[in-house]
C-alpha atoms as a PDB file:
ATOM      1  CA  UNK A   1     103.802 191.383 -41.762  1.00  0.00           C
ATOM      2  CA  UNK A   2     105.023 190.689 -45.294  1.00  0.00           C
ATOM      3  CA  UNK A   3     105.403 186.986 -44.586  1.00  0.00           C
ATOM      4  CA  UNK A   4     102.000 186.860 -42.891  1.00  0.00           C
ATOM      5  CA  UNK A   5     100.333 188.580 -45.843  1.00  0.00           C
ATOM      6  CA  UNK A   6     101.999 186.166 -48.262  1.00  0.00           C
ATOM      7  CA  UNK A   7     100.919 183.187 -46.177  1.00  0.00           C
ATOM      8  CA  UNK A   8      97.335 184.448 -46.086  1.00  0.00           C
ATOM      9  CA  UNK A   9      97.353 185.013 -49.837  1.00  0.00           C
ATOM     10  CA  UNK A  10      98.638 181.486 -50.508  1.00  0.00           C
ATOM     11  CA  UNK A  11      96.041 180.024 -48.155  1.00  0.00           C
ATOM     12  CA  UNK A  12      93.288 181.937 -49.956  1.00  0.00           C
ATOM     13  CA  UNK A  13      94.475 180.687 -53.343  1.00  0.00           C
ATOM     14  CA  UNK A  14      94.515 177.113 -52.040  1.00  0.00           C
ATOM     15  CA  UNK A  15      90.992 177.437 -50.666  1.00  0.00           C
ATOM     16  CA  UNK A  16      89.695 178.880 -53.935  1.00  0.00           C
ATOM     17  CA  UNK A  17      91.316 176.070 -55.899  1.00  0.00           C
ATOM     18  CA  UNK A  18      89.779 173.468 -53.607  1.00  0.00           C
ATOM     19  CA  UNK A  19      86.388 175.134 -53.910  1.00  0.00           C
ATOM     20  CA  UNK A  20      86.668 175.117 -57.681  1.00  0.00           C
ATOM     21  CA  UNK A  21      87.458 171.403 -57.708  1.00  0.00           C
ATOM     22  CA  UNK A  22      84.559 170.647 -55.366  1.00  0.00           C
ATOM     23  CA  UNK A  23      82.214 172.683 -57.529  1.00  0.00           C
ATOM     24  CA  UNK A  24      83.288 170.807 -60.643  1.00  0.00           C
ATOM     25  CA  UNK A  25      82.844 167.462 -58.955  1.00  0.00           C
ATOM     26  CA  UNK A  26      79.314 168.223 -57.762  1.00  0.00           C
ATOM     27  CA  UNK A  27      78.104 169.506 -61.128  1.00  0.00           C
ATOM     28  CA  UNK A  28      74.780 167.903 -62.020  1.00  0.00           C
ATOM     29  CA  UNK A  29      73.684 169.802 -65.138  1.00  0.00           C
ATOM     30  CA  UNK A  30      74.833 168.190 -68.366  1.00  0.00           C
ATOM     31  CA  UNK A  31      75.510 170.391 -71.405  1.00  0.00           C
ATOM     32  CA  UNK A  32      77.347 170.014 -74.705  1.00  0.00           C
ATOM     33  CA  UNK A  33      80.187 172.332 -73.771  1.00  0.00           C
ATOM     34  CA  UNK A  34      83.257 172.458 -71.543  1.00  0.00           C
ATOM     35  CA  UNK A  35      84.485 168.917 -70.843  1.00  0.00           C
ATOM     36  CA  UNK A  36      81.653 167.551 -73.021  1.00  0.00           C
ATOM     37  CA  UNK A  37      82.235 169.792 -76.055  1.00  0.00           C
ATOM     38  CA  UNK A  38      82.534 168.228 -79.514  1.00  0.00           C
ATOM     39  CA  UNK A  39      86.364 168.317 -79.448  1.00  0.00           C
ATOM     40  CA  UNK A  40      86.863 167.597 -75.730  1.00  0.00           C
ATOM     41  CA  UNK A  41      89.091 164.746 -74.602  1.00  0.00           C
ATOM     42  CA  UNK A  42      90.017 162.632 -71.595  1.00  0.00           C
ATOM     43  CA  UNK A  43      92.364 165.351 -70.308  1.00  0.00           C
ATOM     44  CA  UNK A  44      89.451 167.813 -70.226  1.00  0.00           C
ATOM     45  CA  UNK A  45      87.400 165.387 -68.132  1.00  0.00           C
ATOM     46  CA  UNK A  46      90.275 164.881 -65.701  1.00  0.00           C
ATOM     47  CA  UNK A  47      90.819 168.634 -65.395  1.00  0.00           C
ATOM     48  CA  UNK A  48      87.123 169.235 -64.715  1.00  0.00           C
ATOM     49  CA  UNK A  49      86.367 166.342 -62.372  1.00  0.00           C
ATOM     50  CA  UNK A  50      89.711 165.143 -61.000  1.00  0.00           C
ATOM     51  CA  UNK A  51      91.829 162.094 -61.930  1.00  0.00           C
ATOM     52  CA  UNK A  52      90.221 159.904 -59.279  1.00  0.00           C
ATOM     53  CA  UNK A  53      86.772 160.478 -60.747  1.00  0.00           C
ATOM     54  CA  UNK A  54      87.473 159.543 -64.381  1.00  0.00           C
ATOM     55  CA  UNK A  55      87.796 155.846 -65.203  1.00  0.00           C
ATOM     56  CA  UNK A  56      88.590 154.365 -68.595  1.00  0.00           C
ATOM     57  CA  UNK A  57      86.065 151.703 -69.532  1.00  0.00           C
ATOM     58  CA  UNK A  58      84.328 149.781 -72.284  1.00  0.00           C
ATOM     59  CA  UNK A  59      80.812 151.212 -72.286  1.00  0.00           C
ATOM     60  CA  UNK A  60      77.694 149.185 -73.059  1.00  0.00           C
ATOM     61  CA  UNK A  61      75.953 150.735 -76.080  1.00  0.00           C
ATOM     62  CA  UNK A  62      73.228 148.137 -76.691  1.00  0.00           C
ATOM     63  CA  UNK A  63      72.691 144.693 -78.193  1.00  0.00           C
ATOM     64  CA  UNK A  64      75.818 143.371 -76.471  1.00  0.00           C
ATOM     65  CA  UNK A  65      78.088 145.955 -78.117  1.00  0.00           C
ATOM     66  CA  UNK A  66      80.679 147.978 -76.191  1.00  0.00           C
ATOM     67  CA  UNK A  67      82.851 150.963 -77.127  1.00  0.00           C
ATOM     68  CA  UNK A  68      85.851 152.795 -75.666  1.00  0.00           C
ATOM     69  CA  UNK A  69      84.772 155.466 -73.245  1.00  0.00           C
ATOM     70  CA  UNK A  70      84.881 156.769 -69.706  1.00  0.00           C
ATOM     71  CA  UNK A  71      82.882 156.614 -66.502  1.00  0.00           C
ATOM     72  CA  UNK A  72      82.667 159.686 -64.285  1.00  0.00           C
ATOM     73  CA  UNK A  73      82.315 159.058 -60.555  1.00  0.00           C
ATOM     74  CA  UNK A  74      82.279 155.256 -60.943  1.00  0.00           C
ATOM     75  CA  UNK A  75      81.836 154.726 -57.189  1.00  0.00           C
ATOM     76  CA  UNK A  76      78.999 157.223 -56.749  1.00  0.00           C
ATOM     77  CA  UNK A  77      75.755 156.088 -58.363  1.00  0.00           C
ATOM     78  CA  UNK A  78      74.046 159.483 -58.053  1.00  0.00           C
ATOM     79  CA  UNK A  79      76.915 161.272 -59.810  1.00  0.00           C
ATOM     80  CA  UNK A  80      77.789 158.535 -62.288  1.00  0.00           C
ATOM     81  CA  UNK A  81      77.927 159.440 -65.970  1.00  0.00           C
ATOM     82  CA  UNK A  82      79.097 157.354 -68.925  1.00  0.00           C
ATOM     83  CA  UNK A  83      80.331 158.402 -72.352  1.00  0.00           C
ATOM     84  CA  UNK A  84      81.877 156.891 -75.439  1.00  0.00           C
ATOM     85  CA  UNK A  85      84.524 158.472 -77.666  1.00  0.00           C
ATOM     86  CA  UNK A  86      84.218 159.009 -81.396  1.00  0.00           C
ATOM     87  CA  UNK A  87      88.007 158.627 -81.493  1.00  0.00           C
ATOM     88  CA  UNK A  88      88.473 155.747 -79.086  1.00  0.00           C
ATOM     89  CA  UNK A  89      92.176 155.276 -79.808  1.00  0.00           C
ATOM     90  CA  UNK A  90      93.042 158.827 -78.716  1.00  0.00           C
ATOM     91  CA  UNK A  91      90.220 159.094 -76.169  1.00  0.00           C
ATOM     92  CA  UNK A  92      88.819 162.296 -77.581  1.00  0.00           C
ATOM     93  CA  UNK A  93      85.654 163.717 -79.142  1.00  0.00           C
ATOM     94  CA  UNK A  94      82.623 162.568 -77.116  1.00  0.00           C
ATOM     95  CA  UNK A  95      80.157 160.563 -79.181  1.00  0.00           C
ATOM     96  CA  UNK A  96      77.292 159.808 -76.806  1.00  0.00           C
ATOM     97  CA  UNK A  97      76.902 160.736 -73.147  1.00  0.00           C
ATOM     98  CA  UNK A  98      74.642 158.463 -71.085  1.00  0.00           C
ATOM     99  CA  UNK A  99      72.625 159.391 -67.991  1.00  0.00           C
ATOM    100  CA  UNK A 100      71.443 156.014 -66.758  1.00  0.00           C
ATOM    101  CA  UNK A 101      69.124 154.768 -64.025  1.00  0.00           C
ATOM    102  CA  UNK A 102      70.228 155.895 -60.579  1.00  0.00           C
ATOM    103  CA  UNK A 103      72.149 158.925 -61.845  1.00  0.00           C
ATOM    104  CA  UNK A 104      71.164 162.402 -60.700  1.00  0.00           C
ATOM    105  CA  UNK A 105      72.511 164.301 -63.711  1.00  0.00           C
ATOM    106  CA  UNK A 106      70.009 166.493 -65.566  1.00  0.00           C
ATOM    107  CA  UNK A 107      69.770 168.332 -68.878  1.00  0.00           C
ATOM    108  CA  UNK A 108      68.179 171.758 -69.193  1.00  0.00           C
ATOM    109  CA  UNK A 109      65.240 172.207 -71.527  1.00  0.00           C
ATOM    110  CA  UNK A 110      64.858 175.318 -73.730  1.00  0.00           C
ATOM    111  CA  UNK A 111      63.000 177.227 -71.006  1.00  0.00           C
ATOM    112  CA  UNK A 112      65.212 175.981 -68.178  1.00  0.00           C
ATOM    113  CA  UNK A 113      63.180 172.865 -67.409  1.00  0.00           C
ATOM    114  CA  UNK A 114      65.211 170.101 -65.771  1.00  0.00           C
ATOM    115  CA  UNK A 115      64.900 166.747 -67.543  1.00  0.00           C
ATOM    116  CA  UNK A 116      66.252 163.750 -65.666  1.00  0.00           C
ATOM    117  CA  UNK A 117      65.809 160.057 -65.040  1.00  0.00           C
ATOM    118  CA  UNK A 118      62.306 159.781 -63.617  1.00  0.00           C
ATOM    119  CA  UNK A 119      60.823 162.723 -65.547  1.00  0.00           C
ATOM    120  CA  UNK A 120      57.262 161.850 -66.706  1.00  0.00           C
ATOM    121  CA  UNK A 121      56.483 161.767 -70.419  1.00  0.00           C
ATOM    122  CA  UNK A 122      53.948 164.580 -69.952  1.00  0.00           C
ATOM    123  CA  UNK A 123      56.665 166.878 -68.560  1.00  0.00           C
ATOM    124  CA  UNK A 124      58.959 166.078 -71.497  1.00  0.00           C
ATOM    125  CA  UNK A 125      56.096 166.843 -73.894  1.00  0.00           C
ATOM    126  CA  UNK A 126      55.571 170.187 -72.159  1.00  0.00           C
ATOM    127  CA  UNK A 127      59.280 171.027 -72.538  1.00  0.00           C
ATOM    128  CA  UNK A 128      59.068 170.093 -76.228  1.00  0.00           C
ATOM    129  CA  UNK A 129      56.071 172.360 -76.698  1.00  0.00           C
ATOM    130  CA  UNK A 130      54.128 169.704 -78.605  1.00  0.00           C
ATOM    131  CA  UNK A 131      53.595 165.915 -78.745  1.00  0.00           C
ATOM    132  CA  UNK A 132      56.458 163.746 -79.990  1.00  0.00           C
ATOM    133  CA  UNK A 133      56.833 160.159 -81.203  1.00  0.00           C
ATOM    134  CA  UNK A 134      57.812 157.231 -78.976  1.00  0.00           C
ATOM    135  CA  UNK A 135      58.691 153.746 -80.183  1.00  0.00           C
ATOM    136  CA  UNK A 136      56.502 150.951 -78.834  1.00  0.00           C
ATOM    137  CA  UNK A 137      57.394 149.104 -75.655  1.00  0.00           C
ATOM    138  CA  UNK A 138      58.753 145.597 -75.111  1.00  0.00           C
ATOM    139  CA  UNK A 139      61.111 145.248 -78.057  1.00  0.00           C
ATOM    140  CA  UNK A 140      64.731 146.215 -78.884  1.00  0.00           C
ATOM    141  CA  UNK A 141      64.194 150.003 -78.900  1.00  0.00           C
ATOM    142  CA  UNK A 142      61.449 149.991 -76.309  1.00  0.00           C
ATOM    143  CA  UNK A 143      60.182 153.411 -75.291  1.00  0.00           C
ATOM    144  CA  UNK A 144      62.728 155.498 -77.218  1.00  0.00           C
ATOM    145  CA  UNK A 145      61.746 159.030 -78.220  1.00  0.00           C
ATOM    146  CA  UNK A 146      61.963 158.611 -81.994  1.00  0.00           C
ATOM    147  CA  UNK A 147      61.093 162.063 -83.331  1.00  0.00           C
ATOM    148  CA  UNK A 148      60.572 165.404 -81.587  1.00  0.00           C
ATOM    149  CA  UNK A 149      58.253 166.375 -84.461  1.00  0.00           C
ATOM    150  CA  UNK A 150      59.863 169.780 -84.893  1.00  0.00           C
ATOM    151  CA  UNK A 151      59.428 170.643 -81.219  1.00  0.00           C
ATOM    152  CA  UNK A 152      61.735 172.673 -78.996  1.00  0.00           C
ATOM    153  CA  UNK A 153      63.802 169.652 -77.934  1.00  0.00           C
ATOM    154  CA  UNK A 154      64.862 168.955 -81.512  1.00  0.00           C
ATOM    155  CA  UNK A 155      67.498 171.710 -81.539  1.00  0.00           C
ATOM    156  CA  UNK A 156      67.860 172.767 -77.930  1.00  0.00           C
ATOM    157  CA  UNK A 157      71.326 171.498 -77.098  1.00  0.00           C
ATOM    158  CA  UNK A 158      73.913 173.433 -79.056  1.00  0.00           C
ATOM    159  CA  UNK A 159      74.583 170.817 -81.702  1.00  0.00           C
ATOM    160  CA  UNK A 160      73.978 167.756 -79.564  1.00  0.00           C
ATOM    161  CA  UNK A 161      71.041 165.471 -80.222  1.00  0.00           C
ATOM    162  CA  UNK A 162      68.812 164.596 -77.272  1.00  0.00           C
ATOM    163  CA  UNK A 163      67.402 161.084 -76.944  1.00  0.00           C
ATOM    164  CA  UNK A 164      65.225 159.937 -74.052  1.00  0.00           C
ATOM    165  CA  UNK A 165      64.206 156.363 -73.334  1.00  0.00           C
ATOM    166  CA  UNK A 166      61.051 155.739 -71.355  1.00  0.00           C
ATOM    167  CA  UNK A 167      59.978 152.827 -69.227  1.00  0.00           C
ATOM    168  CA  UNK A 168      56.673 151.998 -67.620  1.00  0.00           C
ATOM    169  CA  UNK A 169      55.981 151.337 -63.934  1.00  0.00           C
ATOM    170  CA  UNK A 170      55.082 148.007 -62.419  1.00  0.00           C
ATOM    171  CA  UNK A 171      51.347 147.624 -62.385  1.00  0.00           C
ATOM    172  CA  UNK A 172      50.845 149.748 -65.509  1.00  0.00           C
ATOM    173  CA  UNK A 173      47.482 149.265 -67.209  1.00  0.00           C
ATOM    174  CA  UNK A 174      47.988 145.942 -69.008  1.00  0.00           C
ATOM    175  CA  UNK A 175      45.527 146.529 -71.849  1.00  0.00           C
ATOM    176  CA  UNK A 176      46.879 150.001 -72.591  1.00  0.00           C
ATOM    177  CA  UNK A 177      50.443 148.669 -72.457  1.00  0.00           C
ATOM    178  CA  UNK A 178      49.584 145.901 -74.901  1.00  0.00           C
ATOM    179  CA  UNK A 179      48.257 148.485 -77.359  1.00  0.00           C
ATOM    180  CA  UNK A 180      51.488 150.493 -76.999  1.00  0.00           C
ATOM    181  CA  UNK A 181      53.841 147.558 -77.576  1.00  0.00           C
ATOM    182  CA  UNK A 182      55.808 146.449 -80.624  1.00  0.00           C
ATOM    183  CA  UNK A 183      57.744 147.890 -83.551  1.00  0.00           C
ATOM    184  CA  UNK A 184      55.521 150.946 -84.065  1.00  0.00           C
ATOM    185  CA  UNK A 185      55.536 154.654 -83.244  1.00  0.00           C
ATOM    186  CA  UNK A 186      53.049 156.272 -80.890  1.00  0.00           C
ATOM    187  CA  UNK A 187      52.327 159.869 -79.973  1.00  0.00           C
ATOM    188  CA  UNK A 188      53.256 161.007 -76.488  1.00  0.00           C
ATOM    189  CA  UNK A 189      49.707 162.391 -76.275  1.00  0.00           C
ATOM    190  CA  UNK A 190      48.124 159.007 -77.010  1.00  0.00           C
ATOM    191  CA  UNK A 191      45.435 158.317 -74.359  1.00  0.00           C
ATOM    192  CA  UNK A 192      46.984 154.912 -73.669  1.00  0.00           C
ATOM    193  CA  UNK A 193      50.332 156.623 -73.038  1.00  0.00           C
ATOM    194  CA  UNK A 194      48.642 158.730 -70.388  1.00  0.00           C
ATOM    195  CA  UNK A 195      47.244 155.583 -68.770  1.00  0.00           C
ATOM    196  CA  UNK A 196      50.611 153.807 -68.723  1.00  0.00           C
ATOM    197  CA  UNK A 197      52.433 156.920 -67.380  1.00  0.00           C
ATOM    198  CA  UNK A 198      55.976 156.260 -68.670  1.00  0.00           C
ATOM    199  CA  UNK A 199      58.976 157.992 -67.113  1.00  0.00           C
ATOM    200  CA  UNK A 200      62.504 158.522 -68.442  1.00  0.00           C
ATOM    201  CA  UNK A 201      64.985 155.812 -67.472  1.00  0.00           C
ATOM    202  CA  UNK A 202      67.884 156.888 -69.720  1.00  0.00           C
ATOM    203  CA  UNK A 203      68.916 160.216 -71.267  1.00  0.00           C
ATOM    204  CA  UNK A 204      71.487 160.533 -74.045  1.00  0.00           C
ATOM    205  CA  UNK A 205      73.236 163.517 -75.584  1.00  0.00           C
ATOM    206  CA  UNK A 206      75.011 162.659 -78.836  1.00  0.00           C
ATOM    207  CA  UNK A 207      77.395 164.415 -81.189  1.00  0.00           C
ATOM    208  CA  UNK A 208      77.191 163.444 -84.834  1.00  0.00           C
ATOM    209  CA  UNK A 209      80.330 162.143 -86.554  1.00  0.00           C
END
């Protein structure tokens, strides 16, 4: 009986460990803690998601620039997440975490709202509690949320800064889109913005240096 009890206990421990690993690997809610905390490192990612799901990479950060970082779940588009390190040499201290098109990761708003790729600008405005500024479309920083205007999303992420980039659908109202284009800022409540109906195509959480 003693051996049987020991065997059952070991089997239970193994099952709980496997369940814990599976739970970590299916996590879809991004927050600035745990493996993504300010002082986290590559080892923390591997512990949380498993060595086969963390790939070292040079991450595209815009305008042809790349930086040392990591890709989580590189073979699974829905679970893929990219980040760059502030200390690239030692692969520690996350700088910016990217949720890009095709990824199913979400961030939680201040009232528990889920913000993700595909979230409409009106829903983001509701989570912010007030209109915010968006940079004009069809230039280098096209559709980037530039200023939360003191809204709830300005300080909702435990020290991380939230940035959302919006794109417009095919067939968007051409005249309204033309008025929203260029190196200018527009309110999310602008009537033309409502006509164009932008949705989020990239979400970033960033730690300051």
